């Protein structure tokens, strides 16, 4: 099955998708979810770091 065939297929088509098509679609969705999850996690920790820096200053500079 070519990538072009996969790209042209629509889940609303009358024709049922093959197991190969479904596996490909599921793989692509899982990969996209993995990437967006990694990006969100990185943004989350960057935000935490910014908030920490604003509250406490840079690491090692908060002497008591």
Protein backbone atom coordinates (compact mmCIF):
# COMPACT_ATOMS: atom_id res chain seq x y z
CA UNK A 1 0.00 0.00 0.00
CA UNK A 2 1.47 3.32 -1.01
CA UNK A 3 1.53 6.45 1.12
CA UNK A 4 -0.55 8.14 -1.58
CA UNK A 5 -3.30 5.52 -1.18
CA UNK A 6 -3.24 6.01 2.57
CA UNK A 7 -3.39 9.80 2.20
CA UNK A 8 -6.35 9.57 -0.17
CA UNK A 9 -8.34 7.18 2.01
CA UNK A 10 -11.02 8.69 4.22
CA UNK A 11 -12.55 6.84 7.15
CA UNK A 12 -15.94 8.06 5.92
CA UNK A 13 -15.52 6.17 2.64
CA UNK A 14 -17.93 3.33 1.99
CA UNK A 15 -14.99 0.97 1.49
CA UNK A 16 -13.74 -0.58 4.74
CA UNK A 17 -10.09 0.13 5.52
CA UNK A 18 -7.70 -2.79 5.33
CA UNK A 19 -5.81 -3.95 8.41
CA UNK A 20 -2.70 -2.47 6.80
CA UNK A 21 -4.40 0.92 6.44
CA UNK A 22 -5.64 0.89 10.02
CA UNK A 23 -2.23 -0.12 11.35
CA UNK A 24 -0.58 2.68 9.39
CA UNK A 25 -3.13 5.27 10.54
CA UNK A 26 -2.85 4.16 14.16
CA UNK A 27 0.96 4.27 13.97
CA UNK A 28 0.90 7.80 12.56
CA UNK A 29 -1.55 9.00 15.22
CA UNK A 30 0.53 7.41 18.00
CA UNK A 31 3.70 9.03 16.66
CA UNK A 32 2.03 12.44 16.48
CA UNK A 33 0.71 12.01 20.03
CA UNK A 34 4.19 11.07 21.26
CA UNK A 35 5.76 14.14 19.67
CA UNK A 36 3.11 16.56 20.90
CA UNK A 37 3.32 15.03 24.40
CA UNK A 38 7.10 15.54 24.45
CA UNK A 39 6.66 19.14 23.31
CA UNK A 40 4.00 19.81 25.96
CA UNK A 41 6.18 18.26 28.67
CA UNK A 42 9.12 20.43 27.63
CA UNK A 43 6.95 23.58 27.67
CA UNK A 44 5.57 22.60 31.09
CA UNK A 45 9.00 22.22 32.68
CA UNK A 46 10.27 25.38 30.97
CA UNK A 47 7.35 27.27 32.51
CA UNK A 48 8.09 25.80 35.93
CA UNK A 49 11.72 26.85 35.53
CA UNK A 50 10.71 30.40 34.56
CA UNK A 51 8.40 30.67 37.57
CA UNK A 52 11.12 29.31 39.85
CA UNK A 53 13.67 31.76 38.43
CA UNK A 54 11.25 34.65 38.95
CA UNK A 55 10.57 33.65 42.53
CA UNK A 56 14.00 32.49 43.69
CA UNK A 57 16.47 33.82 41.13
CA UNK A 58 19.03 31.71 39.32
CA UNK A 59 20.25 28.44 40.78
CA UNK A 60 22.84 28.77 43.50
CA UNK A 61 22.25 32.46 44.16
CA UNK A 62 19.75 32.09 46.97
CA UNK A 63 21.89 32.26 50.12
CA UNK A 64 20.13 32.44 53.45
